[in-house]
Amino acid sequence: VGVLDHKAGEDWPLHYQKQATEYNLVLEGKLKVDGRVFTRNEGFVVAPGEAIKPHFLSDTRVLVVKVPSDPKDKVVVR
């Protein structure tokens, strides 16, 4: 479980989790994932193997829960 702060325009690579399901809740701000915009109190789920590239449209704070939790599970797509 973590609370992540991102700056507007922050560039994140296309990535996915090998095993974890990722639950996200926007606490503040606005971001775009796969063409859909999420704002305060909206959430989304990312399945294992589902690649995403978030775009932070404003300064954004997100609550993230990964199940199972494994810091080495993230794969960056190059």
C-alpha atoms as a PDB file:
ATOM      1  CA  VAL A   1       0.000   0.000   0.000  1.00  0.00           C
ATOM      2  CA  GLY A   2       1.340   3.418  -0.858  1.00  0.00           C
ATOM      3  CA  VAL A   3       0.401   7.034  -1.432  1.00  0.00           C
ATOM      4  CA  LEU A   4       2.208   8.409  -4.479  1.00  0.00           C
ATOM      5  CA  ASP A   5       2.585  12.067  -5.437  1.00  0.00           C
ATOM      6  CA  HIS A   6       3.112  12.970  -9.101  1.00  0.00           C
ATOM      7  CA  LYS A   7       3.740  16.350 -10.714  1.00  0.00           C
ATOM      8  CA  ALA A   8       1.737  17.595 -13.694  1.00  0.00           C
ATOM      9  CA  GLY A   9       3.398  16.392 -16.886  1.00  0.00           C
ATOM     10  CA  GLU A  10       5.513  13.781 -15.097  1.00  0.00           C
ATOM     11  CA  ASP A  11       6.591  11.166 -17.642  1.00  0.00           C
ATOM     12  CA  TRP A  12       6.041   7.525 -16.662  1.00  0.00           C
ATOM     13  CA  PRO A  13       7.066   4.681 -18.940  1.00  0.00           C
ATOM     14  CA  LEU A  14       4.721   2.061 -20.323  1.00  0.00           C
ATOM     15  CA  HIS A  15       4.788  -0.691 -17.697  1.00  0.00           C
ATOM     16  CA  TYR A  16       2.919  -3.646 -16.223  1.00  0.00           C
ATOM     17  CA  GLN A  17       2.927  -5.914 -13.180  1.00  0.00           C
ATOM     18  CA  LYS A  18       3.790  -9.577 -13.767  1.00  0.00           C
ATOM     19  CA  GLN A  19       1.677 -10.955 -10.912  1.00  0.00           C
ATOM     20  CA  ALA A  20       0.045  -8.136  -8.991  1.00  0.00           C
ATOM     21  CA  THR A  21      -3.378  -6.641  -9.442  1.00  0.00           C
ATOM     22  CA  GLU A  22      -3.066  -2.883  -8.857  1.00  0.00           C
ATOM     23  CA  TYR A  23      -5.927  -0.946  -7.245  1.00  0.00           C
ATOM     24  CA  ASN A  24      -5.708   2.859  -7.629  1.00  0.00           C
ATOM     25  CA  LEU A  25      -7.749   5.644  -6.026  1.00  0.00           C
ATOM     26  CA  VAL A  26      -7.147   9.270  -7.000  1.00  0.00           C
ATOM     27  CA  LEU A  27      -7.011  11.329  -3.796  1.00  0.00           C
ATOM     28  CA  GLU A  28      -6.227  14.649  -5.506  1.00  0.00           C
ATOM     29  CA  GLY A  29      -5.590  15.820  -9.042  1.00  0.00           C
ATOM     30  CA  LYS A  30      -6.219  14.367 -12.486  1.00  0.00           C
ATOM     31  CA  LEU A  31      -4.571  11.702 -14.618  1.00  0.00           C
ATOM     32  CA  LYS A  32      -5.267   9.919 -17.879  1.00  0.00           C
ATOM     33  CA  VAL A  33      -4.869   6.157 -18.357  1.00  0.00           C
ATOM     34  CA  ASP A  34      -5.725   4.391 -21.614  1.00  0.00           C
ATOM     35  CA  GLY A  35      -7.714   7.379 -22.885  1.00  0.00           C
ATOM     36  CA  ARG A  36      -9.828   7.703 -19.732  1.00  0.00           C
ATOM     37  CA  VAL A  37      -9.476  10.620 -17.305  1.00  0.00           C
ATOM     38  CA  PHE A  38      -9.669   9.993 -13.560  1.00  0.00           C
ATOM     39  CA  THR A  39     -10.161  12.707 -10.951  1.00  0.00           C
ATOM     40  CA  ARG A  40     -10.612  12.944  -7.175  1.00  0.00           C
ATOM     41  CA  ASN A  41     -12.399   9.956  -5.584  1.00  0.00           C
ATOM     42  CA  GLU A  42     -12.304   7.906  -8.807  1.00  0.00           C
ATOM     43  CA  GLY A  43     -10.488   4.617  -9.011  1.00  0.00           C
ATOM     44  CA  PHE A  44      -9.304   2.059 -11.510  1.00  0.00           C
ATOM     45  CA  VAL A  45      -7.886  -1.458 -11.445  1.00  0.00           C
ATOM     46  CA  VAL A  46      -4.953  -2.715 -13.493  1.00  0.00           C
ATOM     47  CA  ALA A  47      -4.808  -6.483 -14.045  1.00  0.00           C
ATOM     48  CA  PRO A  48      -1.554  -8.479 -14.113  1.00  0.00           C
ATOM     49  CA  GLY A  49       0.051  -8.188 -17.547  1.00  0.00           C
ATOM     50  CA  GLU A  50      -2.018  -5.112 -18.498  1.00  0.00           C
ATOM     51  CA  ALA A  51       0.409  -2.434 -19.713  1.00  0.00           C
ATOM     52  CA  ILE A  52      -0.382   1.198 -18.896  1.00  0.00           C
ATOM     53  CA  LYS A  53       1.299   4.582 -19.344  1.00  0.00           C
ATOM     54  CA  PRO A  54      -0.269   7.154 -17.027  1.00  0.00           C
ATOM     55  CA  HIS A  55      -0.290  10.826 -18.025  1.00  0.00           C
ATOM     56  CA  PHE A  56      -0.511  13.246 -15.089  1.00  0.00           C
ATOM     57  CA  LEU A  57      -2.675  16.177 -16.170  1.00  0.00           C
ATOM     58  CA  SER A  58      -2.226  18.043 -12.876  1.00  0.00           C
ATOM     59  CA  ASP A  59      -0.341  17.490  -9.633  1.00  0.00           C
ATOM     60  CA  THR A  60      -1.860  14.181  -8.513  1.00  0.00           C
ATOM     61  CA  ARG A  61      -1.909  12.046  -5.363  1.00  0.00           C
ATOM     62  CA  VAL A  62      -2.890   8.386  -5.746  1.00  0.00           C
ATOM     63  CA  LEU A  63      -3.516   5.650  -3.183  1.00  0.00           C
ATOM     64  CA  VAL A  64      -2.146   2.396  -4.644  1.00  0.00           C
ATOM     65  CA  VAL A  65      -2.663  -1.142  -3.375  1.00  0.00           C
ATOM     66  CA  LYS A  66      -0.854  -4.031  -5.105  1.00  0.00           C
ATOM     67  CA  VAL A  67      -1.877  -7.611  -4.406  1.00  0.00           C
ATOM     68  CA  PRO A  68       0.373  -9.500  -3.961  1.00  0.00           C
ATOM     69  CA  SER A  69       2.916  -6.893  -2.933  1.00  0.00           C
ATOM     70  CA  ASP A  70       6.308  -7.391  -4.579  1.00  0.00           C
ATOM     71  CA  PRO A  71       8.583  -4.416  -5.341  1.00  0.00           C
ATOM     72  CA  LYS A  72      10.291  -6.448  -8.098  1.00  0.00           C
ATOM     73  CA  ASP A  73       7.036  -7.218  -9.967  1.00  0.00           C
ATOM     74  CA  LYS A  74       7.018  -4.124 -12.245  1.00  0.00           C
ATOM     75  CA  VAL A  75       8.237  -4.527 -15.838  1.00  0.00           C
ATOM     76  CA  VAL A  76       9.030  -1.459 -17.971  1.00  0.00           C
ATOM     77  CA  VAL A  77       8.203  -1.957 -21.656  1.00  0.00           C
ATOM     78  CA  ARG A  78      10.965  -0.653 -23.895  1.00  0.00           C
END
